[in-house]
Amino acid sequence: MTVTRQVNQELEKASSMVMTARRLLATGTTIDLSALEGRIKGVCEQVVDLPRDLGKGLIPALEKLIADLDRLAEMVAERMDPPPVAEKDE
């Protein structure tokens, strides 16, 4: 297996973990993000170690992962500090 393919598979696993976390969070389940944090850190370290020309090919997958992480962060923030509920006029 090529290094690029291996890193790409790790990116896919990380993306899958983010999607699972988002689904669980949406159902109200409390989640532990430490495993996800470790996976993301490992993937980033692998990408940094790649030659520049090989790493460029991973940009779309990295951008997707970043967008998924941003959406997860928004969900966590909303859960930690939910928007105020509008009071009804009585």
PDB file of N, CA and C in Angstrom:
ATOM      1  N   MET A   1       0.842  -1.173   0.000  1.00  0.00           N
ATOM      2  CA  MET A   1       0.000   0.000   0.000  1.00  0.00           C
ATOM      3  C   MET A   1       0.890   1.241   0.000  1.00  0.00           C
ATOM      4  N   THR A   2       0.541   2.201  -0.842  1.00  0.00           N
ATOM      5  CA  THR A   2       1.332   3.425  -0.903  1.00  0.00           C
ATOM      6  C   THR A   2       1.061   4.283   0.326  1.00  0.00           C
ATOM      7  N   VAL A   3       2.004   5.143   0.639  1.00  0.00           N
ATOM      8  CA  VAL A   3       1.864   6.027   1.795  1.00  0.00           C
ATOM      9  C   VAL A   3       0.660   6.944   1.619  1.00  0.00           C
ATOM     10  N   THR A   4       0.484   7.459   0.416  1.00  0.00           N
ATOM     11  CA  THR A   4      -0.635   8.356   0.155  1.00  0.00           C
ATOM     12  C   THR A   4      -1.966   7.641   0.374  1.00  0.00           C
ATOM     13  N   ARG A   5      -2.054   6.418  -0.086  1.00  0.00           N
ATOM     14  CA  ARG A   5      -3.286   5.645   0.097  1.00  0.00           C
ATOM     15  C   ARG A   5      -3.539   5.386   1.578  1.00  0.00           C
ATOM     16  N   GLN A   6      -2.494   5.095   2.311  1.00  0.00           N
ATOM     17  CA  GLN A   6      -2.629   4.849   3.745  1.00  0.00           C
ATOM     18  C   GLN A   6      -3.123   6.111   4.467  1.00  0.00           C
ATOM     19  N   VAL A   7      -2.546   7.250   4.133  1.00  0.00           N
ATOM     20  CA  VAL A   7      -2.961   8.516   4.750  1.00  0.00           C
ATOM     21  C   VAL A   7      -4.402   8.830   4.356  1.00  0.00           C
ATOM     22  N   ASN A   8      -4.752   8.575   3.123  1.00  0.00           N
ATOM     23  CA  ASN A   8      -6.118   8.808   2.660  1.00  0.00           C
ATOM     24  C   ASN A   8      -7.105   7.943   3.439  1.00  0.00           C
ATOM     25  N   GLN A   9      -6.741   6.698   3.704  1.00  0.00           N
ATOM     26  CA  GLN A   9      -7.606   5.824   4.495  1.00  0.00           C
ATOM     27  C   GLN A   9      -7.749   6.351   5.919  1.00  0.00           C
ATOM     28  N   GLU A  10      -6.669   6.866   6.467  1.00  0.00           N
ATOM     29  CA  GLU A  10      -6.735   7.447   7.812  1.00  0.00           C
ATOM     30  C   GLU A  10      -7.633   8.686   7.819  1.00  0.00           C
ATOM     31  N   LEU A  11      -7.575   9.468   6.758  1.00  0.00           N
ATOM     32  CA  LEU A  11      -8.464  10.627   6.631  1.00  0.00           C
ATOM     33  C   LEU A  11      -9.928  10.180   6.576  1.00  0.00           C
ATOM     34  N   GLU A  12     -10.197   9.117   5.845  1.00  0.00           N
ATOM     35  CA  GLU A  12     -11.559   8.596   5.751  1.00  0.00           C
ATOM     36  C   GLU A  12     -12.043   8.106   7.119  1.00  0.00           C
ATOM     37  N   LYS A  13     -11.177   7.430   7.863  1.00  0.00           N
ATOM     38  CA  LYS A  13     -11.545   6.961   9.205  1.00  0.00           C
ATOM     39  C   LYS A  13     -11.839   8.148  10.126  1.00  0.00           C
ATOM     40  N   ALA A  14     -11.009   9.169  10.048  1.00  0.00           N
ATOM     41  CA  ALA A  14     -11.228  10.362  10.869  1.00  0.00           C
ATOM     42  C   ALA A  14     -12.550  11.021  10.506  1.00  0.00           C
ATOM     43  N   SER A  15     -12.825  11.129   9.227  1.00  0.00           N
ATOM     44  CA  SER A  15     -14.074  11.722   8.767  1.00  0.00           C
ATOM     45  C   SER A  15     -15.271  10.909   9.256  1.00  0.00           C
ATOM     46  N   SER A  16     -15.141   9.601   9.229  1.00  0.00           N
ATOM     47  CA  SER A  16     -16.202   8.723   9.720  1.00  0.00           C
ATOM     48  C   SER A  16     -16.430   8.926  11.218  1.00  0.00           C
ATOM     49  N   MET A  17     -15.355   9.104  11.964  1.00  0.00           N
ATOM     50  CA  MET A  17     -15.477   9.354  13.399  1.00  0.00           C
ATOM     51  C   MET A  17     -16.189  10.681  13.670  1.00  0.00           C
ATOM     52  N   VAL A  18     -15.897  11.685  12.866  1.00  0.00           N
ATOM     53  CA  VAL A  18     -16.553  12.986  13.024  1.00  0.00           C
ATOM     54  C   VAL A  18     -18.041  12.849  12.743  1.00  0.00           C
ATOM     55  N   MET A  19     -18.386  12.147  11.689  1.00  0.00           N
ATOM     56  CA  MET A  19     -19.796  11.974  11.339  1.00  0.00           C
ATOM     57  C   MET A  19     -20.534  11.204  12.438  1.00  0.00           C
ATOM     58  N   THR A  20     -19.898  10.190  12.993  1.00  0.00           N
ATOM     59  CA  THR A  20     -20.504   9.424  14.085  1.00  0.00           C
ATOM     60  C   THR A  20     -20.711  10.320  15.301  1.00  0.00           C
ATOM     61  N   ALA A  21     -19.723  11.130  15.616  1.00  0.00           N
ATOM     62  CA  ALA A  21     -19.837  12.052  16.751  1.00  0.00           C
ATOM     63  C   ALA A  21     -20.991  13.024  16.527  1.00  0.00           C
ATOM     64  N   ARG A  22     -21.129  13.516  15.321  1.00  0.00           N
ATOM     65  CA  ARG A  22     -22.222  14.449  15.018  1.00  0.00           C
ATOM     66  C   ARG A  22     -23.582  13.777  15.175  1.00  0.00           C
ATOM     67  N   ARG A  23     -23.691  12.532  14.694  1.00  0.00           N
ATOM     68  CA  ARG A  23     -24.959  11.805  14.832  1.00  0.00           C
ATOM     69  C   ARG A  23     -25.293  11.586  16.304  1.00  0.00           C
ATOM     70  N   LEU A  24     -24.303  11.155  17.079  1.00  0.00           N
ATOM     71  CA  LEU A  24     -24.540  10.915  18.505  1.00  0.00           C
ATOM     72  C   LEU A  24     -24.925  12.196  19.227  1.00  0.00           C
ATOM     73  N   LEU A  25     -24.230  13.261  18.920  1.00  0.00           N
ATOM     74  CA  LEU A  25     -24.517  14.544  19.555  1.00  0.00           C
ATOM     75  C   LEU A  25     -25.924  15.009  19.204  1.00  0.00           C
ATOM     76  N   ALA A  26     -26.346  14.780  17.977  1.00  0.00           N
ATOM     77  CA  ALA A  26     -27.682  15.181  17.532  1.00  0.00           C
ATOM     78  C   ALA A  26     -28.779  14.428  18.288  1.00  0.00           C
ATOM     79  N   THR A  27     -28.478  13.226  18.773  1.00  0.00           N
ATOM     80  CA  THR A  27     -29.467  12.447  19.522  1.00  0.00           C
ATOM     81  C   THR A  27     -29.416  12.753  21.014  1.00  0.00           C
ATOM     82  N   GLY A  28     -28.518  13.659  21.404  1.00  0.00           N
ATOM     83  CA  GLY A  28     -28.421  14.016  22.804  1.00  0.00           C
ATOM     84  C   GLY A  28     -27.428  13.188  23.591  1.00  0.00           C
ATOM     85  N   THR A  29     -26.739  12.310  22.921  1.00  0.00           N
ATOM     86  CA  THR A  29     -25.763  11.452  23.579  1.00  0.00           C
ATOM     87  C   THR A  29     -24.512  12.253  23.933  1.00  0.00           C
ATOM     88  N   THR A  30     -24.007  12.037  25.134  1.00  0.00           N
ATOM     89  CA  THR A  30     -22.748  12.663  25.529  1.00  0.00           C
ATOM     90  C   THR A  30     -21.621  11.907  24.847  1.00  0.00           C
ATOM     91  N   ILE A  31     -20.667  12.636  24.298  1.00  0.00           N
ATOM     92  CA  ILE A  31     -19.584  11.986  23.566  1.00  0.00           C
ATOM     93  C   ILE A  31     -18.228  12.386  24.131  1.00  0.00           C
ATOM     94  N   ASP A  32     -17.283  11.477  23.992  1.00  0.00           N
ATOM     95  CA  ASP A  32     -15.896  11.719  24.384  1.00  0.00           C
ATOM     96  C   ASP A  32     -15.109  11.917  23.095  1.00  0.00           C
ATOM     97  N   LEU A  33     -14.536  13.082  22.945  1.00  0.00           N
ATOM     98  CA  LEU A  33     -13.840  13.425  21.705  1.00  0.00           C
ATOM     99  C   LEU A  33     -12.343  13.127  21.750  1.00  0.00           C
ATOM    100  N   SER A  34     -11.861  12.499  22.815  1.00  0.00           N
ATOM    101  CA  SER A  34     -10.420  12.264  22.939  1.00  0.00           C
ATOM    102  C   SER A  34      -9.893  11.322  21.855  1.00  0.00           C
ATOM    103  N   ALA A  35     -10.644  10.288  21.514  1.00  0.00           N
ATOM    104  CA  ALA A  35     -10.189   9.374  20.455  1.00  0.00           C
ATOM    105  C   ALA A  35     -10.137  10.097  19.112  1.00  0.00           C
ATOM    106  N   LEU A  36     -11.130  10.943  18.873  1.00  0.00           N
ATOM    107  CA  LEU A  36     -11.156  11.720  17.636  1.00  0.00           C
ATOM    108  C   LEU A  36      -9.975  12.679  17.590  1.00  0.00           C
ATOM    109  N   GLU A  37      -9.691  13.306  18.700  1.00  0.00           N
ATOM    110  CA  GLU A  37      -8.562  14.231  18.765  1.00  0.00           C
ATOM    111  C   GLU A  37      -7.249  13.512  18.424  1.00  0.00           C
ATOM    112  N   GLY A  38      -7.065  12.328  18.973  1.00  0.00           N
ATOM    113  CA  GLY A  38      -5.855  11.550  18.681  1.00  0.00           C
ATOM    114  C   GLY A  38      -5.763  11.149  17.221  1.00  0.00           C
ATOM    115  N   ARG A  39      -6.889  10.756  16.651  1.00  0.00           N
ATOM    116  CA  ARG A  39      -6.915  10.351  15.243  1.00  0.00           C
ATOM    117  C   ARG A  39      -6.567  11.537  14.349  1.00  0.00           C
ATOM    118  N   ILE A  40      -7.162  12.689  14.614  1.00  0.00           N
ATOM    119  CA  ILE A  40      -6.905  13.882  13.810  1.00  0.00           C
ATOM    120  C   ILE A  40      -5.439  14.291  13.921  1.00  0.00           C
ATOM    121  N   LYS A  41      -4.915  14.252  15.131  1.00  0.00           N
ATOM    122  CA  LYS A  41      -3.510  14.613  15.331  1.00  0.00           C
ATOM    123  C   LYS A  41      -2.600  13.682  14.528  1.00  0.00           C
ATOM    124  N   GLY A  42      -2.887  12.389  14.582  1.00  0.00           N
ATOM    125  CA  GLY A  42      -2.080  11.419  13.835  1.00  0.00           C
ATOM    126  C   GLY A  42      -2.130  11.649  12.332  1.00  0.00           C
ATOM    127  N   VAL A  43      -3.316  11.917  11.826  1.00  0.00           N
ATOM    128  CA  VAL A  43      -3.475  12.173  10.390  1.00  0.00           C
ATOM    129  C   VAL A  43      -2.698  13.423   9.994  1.00  0.00           C
ATOM    130  N   CYS A  44      -2.811  14.462  10.788  1.00  0.00           N
ATOM    131  CA  CYS A  44      -2.098  15.709  10.469  1.00  0.00           C
ATOM    132  C   CYS A  44      -0.589  15.484  10.455  1.00  0.00           C
ATOM    133  N   GLU A  45      -0.088  14.721  11.404  1.00  0.00           N
ATOM    134  CA  GLU A  45       1.343  14.428  11.437  1.00  0.00           C
ATOM    135  C   GLU A  45       1.776  13.644  10.206  1.00  0.00           C
ATOM    136  N   GLN A  46       0.933  12.701   9.756  1.00  0.00           N
ATOM    137  CA  GLN A  46       1.255  11.929   8.560  1.00  0.00           C
ATOM    138  C   GLN A  46       1.277  12.821   7.325  1.00  0.00           C
ATOM    139  N   VAL A  47       0.312  13.719   7.229  1.00  0.00           N
ATOM    140  CA  VAL A  47       0.237  14.599   6.066  1.00  0.00           C
ATOM    141  C   VAL A  47       1.453  15.516   6.028  1.00  0.00           C
ATOM    142  N   VAL A  48       1.838  16.052   7.168  1.00  0.00           N
ATOM    143  CA  VAL A  48       2.989  16.957   7.230  1.00  0.00           C
ATOM    144  C   VAL A  48       4.264  16.243   6.779  1.00  0.00           C
ATOM    145  N   ASP A  49       4.359  14.956   7.059  1.00  0.00           N
ATOM    146  CA  ASP A  49       5.555  14.194   6.696  1.00  0.00           C
ATOM    147  C   ASP A  49       5.617  13.816   5.216  1.00  0.00           C
ATOM    148  N   LEU A  50       4.515  13.986   4.498  1.00  0.00           N
ATOM    149  CA  LEU A  50       4.501  13.627   3.076  1.00  0.00           C
ATOM    150  C   LEU A  50       5.271  14.652   2.247  1.00  0.00           C
ATOM    151  N   PRO A  51       5.852  14.202   1.137  1.00  0.00           N
ATOM    152  CA  PRO A  51       6.423  15.173   0.196  1.00  0.00           C
ATOM    153  C   PRO A  51       5.311  16.108  -0.296  1.00  0.00           C
ATOM    154  N   ARG A  52       5.671  17.340  -0.555  1.00  0.00           N
ATOM    155  CA  ARG A  52       4.701  18.366  -0.921  1.00  0.00           C
ATOM    156  C   ARG A  52       3.787  17.938  -2.076  1.00  0.00           C
ATOM    157  N   ASP A  53       4.342  17.343  -3.117  1.00  0.00           N
ATOM    158  CA  ASP A  53       3.532  16.977  -4.277  1.00  0.00           C
ATOM    159  C   ASP A  53       2.506  15.892  -3.928  1.00  0.00           C
ATOM    160  N   LEU A  54       2.840  14.994  -3.013  1.00  0.00           N
ATOM    161  CA  LEU A  54       1.875  13.964  -2.600  1.00  0.00           C
ATOM    162  C   LEU A  54       0.817  14.566  -1.678  1.00  0.00           C
ATOM    163  N   GLY A  55       1.235  15.454  -0.803  1.00  0.00           N
ATOM    164  CA  GLY A  55       0.305  16.081   0.124  1.00  0.00           C
ATOM    165  C   GLY A  55      -0.749  16.930  -0.569  1.00  0.00           C
ATOM    166  N   LYS A  56      -0.375  17.558  -1.675  1.00  0.00           N
ATOM    167  CA  LYS A  56      -1.328  18.399  -2.419  1.00  0.00           C
ATOM    168  C   LYS A  56      -2.546  17.605  -2.874  1.00  0.00           C
ATOM    169  N   GLY A  57      -2.335  16.341  -3.183  1.00  0.00           N
ATOM    170  CA  GLY A  57      -3.447  15.500  -3.636  1.00  0.00           C
ATOM    171  C   GLY A  57      -4.465  15.229  -2.541  1.00  0.00           C
ATOM    172  N   LEU A  58      -4.093  15.471  -1.301  1.00  0.00           N
ATOM    173  CA  LEU A  58      -4.993  15.224  -0.177  1.00  0.00           C
ATOM    174  C   LEU A  58      -5.781  16.467   0.240  1.00  0.00           C
ATOM    175  N   ILE A  59      -5.539  17.584  -0.421  1.00  0.00           N
ATOM    176  CA  ILE A  59      -6.196  18.836  -0.038  1.00  0.00           C
ATOM    177  C   ILE A  59      -7.726  18.723  -0.026  1.00  0.00           C
ATOM    178  N   PRO A  60      -8.382  18.149  -1.034  1.00  0.00           N
ATOM    179  CA  PRO A  60      -9.850  18.055  -0.972  1.00  0.00           C
ATOM    180  C   PRO A  60     -10.341  17.256   0.237  1.00  0.00           C
ATOM    181  N   ALA A  61      -9.693  16.158   0.547  1.00  0.00           N
ATOM    182  CA  ALA A  61     -10.098  15.347   1.703  1.00  0.00           C
ATOM    183  C   ALA A  61      -9.864  16.103   3.005  1.00  0.00           C
ATOM    184  N   LEU A  62      -8.763  16.836   3.082  1.00  0.00           N
ATOM    185  CA  LEU A  62      -8.478  17.638   4.278  1.00  0.00           C
ATOM    186  C   LEU A  62      -9.490  18.765   4.437  1.00  0.00           C
ATOM    187  N   GLU A  63      -9.855  19.412   3.339  1.00  0.00           N
ATOM    188  CA  GLU A  63     -10.849  20.485   3.394  1.00  0.00           C
ATOM    189  C   GLU A  63     -12.201  19.953   3.856  1.00  0.00           C
ATOM    190  N   LYS A  64     -12.566  18.769   3.389  1.00  0.00           N
ATOM    191  CA  LYS A  64     -13.831  18.152   3.813  1.00  0.00           C
ATOM    192  C   LYS A  64     -13.780  17.841   5.301  1.00  0.00           C
ATOM    193  N   LEU A  65     -12.673  17.290   5.761  1.00  0.00           N
ATOM    194  CA  LEU A  65     -12.523  16.971   7.169  1.00  0.00           C
ATOM    195  C   LEU A  65     -12.612  18.236   8.022  1.00  0.00           C
ATOM    196  N   ILE A  66     -11.982  19.299   7.596  1.00  0.00           N
ATOM    197  CA  ILE A  66     -12.031  20.570   8.334  1.00  0.00           C
ATOM    198  C   ILE A  66     -13.467  21.084   8.407  1.00  0.00           C
ATOM    199  N   ALA A  67     -14.194  21.015   7.304  1.00  0.00           N
ATOM    200  CA  ALA A  67     -15.590  21.466   7.292  1.00  0.00           C
ATOM    201  C   ALA A  67     -16.439  20.612   8.239  1.00  0.00           C
ATOM    202  N   ASP A  68     -16.213  19.304   8.232  1.00  0.00           N
ATOM    203  CA  ASP A  68     -16.949  18.408   9.133  1.00  0.00           C
ATOM    204  C   ASP A  68     -16.617  18.725  10.590  1.00  0.00           C
ATOM    205  N   LEU A  69     -15.349  19.001  10.870  1.00  0.00           N
ATOM    206  CA  LEU A  69     -14.945  19.360  12.233  1.00  0.00           C
ATOM    207  C   LEU A  69     -15.564  20.691  12.649  1.00  0.00           C
ATOM    208  N   ASP A  70     -15.644  21.635  11.726  1.00  0.00           N
ATOM    209  CA  ASP A  70     -16.281  22.919  12.024  1.00  0.00           C
ATOM    210  C   ASP A  70     -17.749  22.728  12.400  1.00  0.00           C
ATOM    211  N   ARG A  71     -18.452  21.864  11.656  1.00  0.00           N
ATOM    212  CA  ARG A  71     -19.857  21.601  11.963  1.00  0.00           C
ATOM    213  C   ARG A  71     -19.994  20.913  13.324  1.00  0.00           C
ATOM    214  N   LEU A  72     -19.086  19.992  13.623  1.00  0.00           N
ATOM    215  CA  LEU A  72     -19.100  19.336  14.932  1.00  0.00           C
ATOM    216  C   LEU A  72     -18.856  20.363  16.039  1.00  0.00           C
ATOM    217  N   ALA A  73     -17.909  21.254  15.833  1.00  0.00           N
ATOM    218  CA  ALA A  73     -17.612  22.291  16.827  1.00  0.00           C
ATOM    219  C   ALA A  73     -18.839  23.175  17.072  1.00  0.00           C
ATOM    220  N   GLU A  74     -19.562  23.500  16.008  1.00  0.00           N
ATOM    221  CA  GLU A  74     -20.778  24.304  16.156  1.00  0.00           C
ATOM    222  C   GLU A  74     -21.822  23.564  16.982  1.00  0.00           C
ATOM    223  N   MET A  75     -21.952  22.264  16.734  1.00  0.00           N
ATOM    224  CA  MET A  75     -22.915  21.464  17.488  1.00  0.00           C
ATOM    225  C   MET A  75     -22.529  21.388  18.964  1.00  0.00           C
ATOM    226  N   VAL A  76     -21.254  21.208  19.232  1.00  0.00           N
ATOM    227  CA  VAL A  76     -20.784  21.154  20.621  1.00  0.00           C
ATOM    228  C   VAL A  76     -21.039  22.493  21.302  1.00  0.00           C
ATOM    229  N   ALA A  77     -20.732  23.581  20.606  1.00  0.00           N
ATOM    230  CA  ALA A  77     -20.944  24.911  21.171  1.00  0.00           C
ATOM    231  C   ALA A  77     -22.416  25.154  21.478  1.00  0.00           C
ATOM    232  N   GLU A  78     -23.289  24.742  20.576  1.00  0.00           N
ATOM    233  CA  GLU A  78     -24.725  24.906  20.797  1.00  0.00           C
ATOM    234  C   GLU A  78     -25.191  24.083  21.987  1.00  0.00           C
ATOM    235  N   ARG A  79     -24.627  22.914  22.141  1.00  0.00           N
ATOM    236  CA  ARG A  79     -25.008  22.047  23.263  1.00  0.00           C
ATOM    237  C   ARG A  79     -24.526  22.629  24.588  1.00  0.00           C
ATOM    238  N   MET A  80     -23.330  23.213  24.563  1.00  0.00           N
ATOM    239  CA  MET A  80     -22.766  23.778  25.778  1.00  0.00           C
ATOM    240  C   MET A  80     -23.453  25.097  26.157  1.00  0.00           C
ATOM    241  N   ASP A  81     -23.867  25.856  25.168  1.00  0.00           N
ATOM    242  CA  ASP A  81     -24.499  27.151  25.391  1.00  0.00           C
ATOM    243  C   ASP A  81     -25.675  27.285  24.428  1.00  0.00           C
ATOM    244  N   PRO A  82     -26.791  26.602  24.732  1.00  0.00           N
ATOM    245  CA  PRO A  82     -27.910  26.624  23.793  1.00  0.00           C
ATOM    246  C   PRO A  82     -28.488  28.032  23.634  1.00  0.00           C
ATOM    247  N   PRO A  83     -29.055  28.297  22.458  1.00  0.00           N
ATOM    248  CA  PRO A  83     -29.647  29.619  22.231  1.00  0.00           C
ATOM    249  C   PRO A  83     -30.799  29.833  23.203  1.00  0.00           C
ATOM    250  N   PRO A  84     -31.047  31.064  23.606  1.00  0.00           N
ATOM    251  CA  PRO A  84     -32.147  31.325  24.545  1.00  0.00           C
ATOM    252  C   PRO A  84     -33.484  30.984  23.910  1.00  0.00           C
ATOM    253  N   VAL A  85     -34.374  30.480  24.733  1.00  0.00           N
ATOM    254  CA  VAL A  85     -35.722  30.144  24.279  1.00  0.00           C
ATOM    255  C   VAL A  85     -36.561  31.410  24.364  1.00  0.00           C
ATOM    256  N   ALA A  86     -37.245  31.709  23.269  1.00  0.00           N
ATOM    257  CA  ALA A  86     -38.089  32.892  23.226  1.00  0.00           C
ATOM    258  C   ALA A  86     -39.268  32.698  24.176  1.00  0.00           C
ATOM    259  N   GLU A  87     -39.526  33.723  24.983  1.00  0.00           N
ATOM    260  CA  GLU A  87     -40.648  33.647  25.907  1.00  0.00           C
ATOM    261  C   GLU A  87     -41.931  33.974  25.165  1.00  0.00           C
ATOM    262  N   LYS A  88     -42.983  33.220  25.500  1.00  0.00           N
ATOM    263  CA  LYS A  88     -44.277  33.454  24.876  1.00  0.00           C
ATOM    264  C   LYS A  88     -45.010  34.541  25.646  1.00  0.00           C
ATOM    265  N   ASP A  89     -45.726  35.384  24.913  1.00  0.00           N
ATOM    266  CA  ASP A  89     -46.547  36.397  25.545  1.00  0.00           C
ATOM    267  C   ASP A  89     -47.773  35.739  26.142  1.00  0.00           C
ATOM    268  N   GLU A  90     -48.066  36.111  27.370  1.00  0.00           N
ATOM    269  CA  GLU A  90     -49.251  35.519  28.003  1.00  0.00           C
ATOM    270  C   GLU A  90     -50.331  36.508  28.160  1.00  0.00           C
TER     271      GLU A  90
END
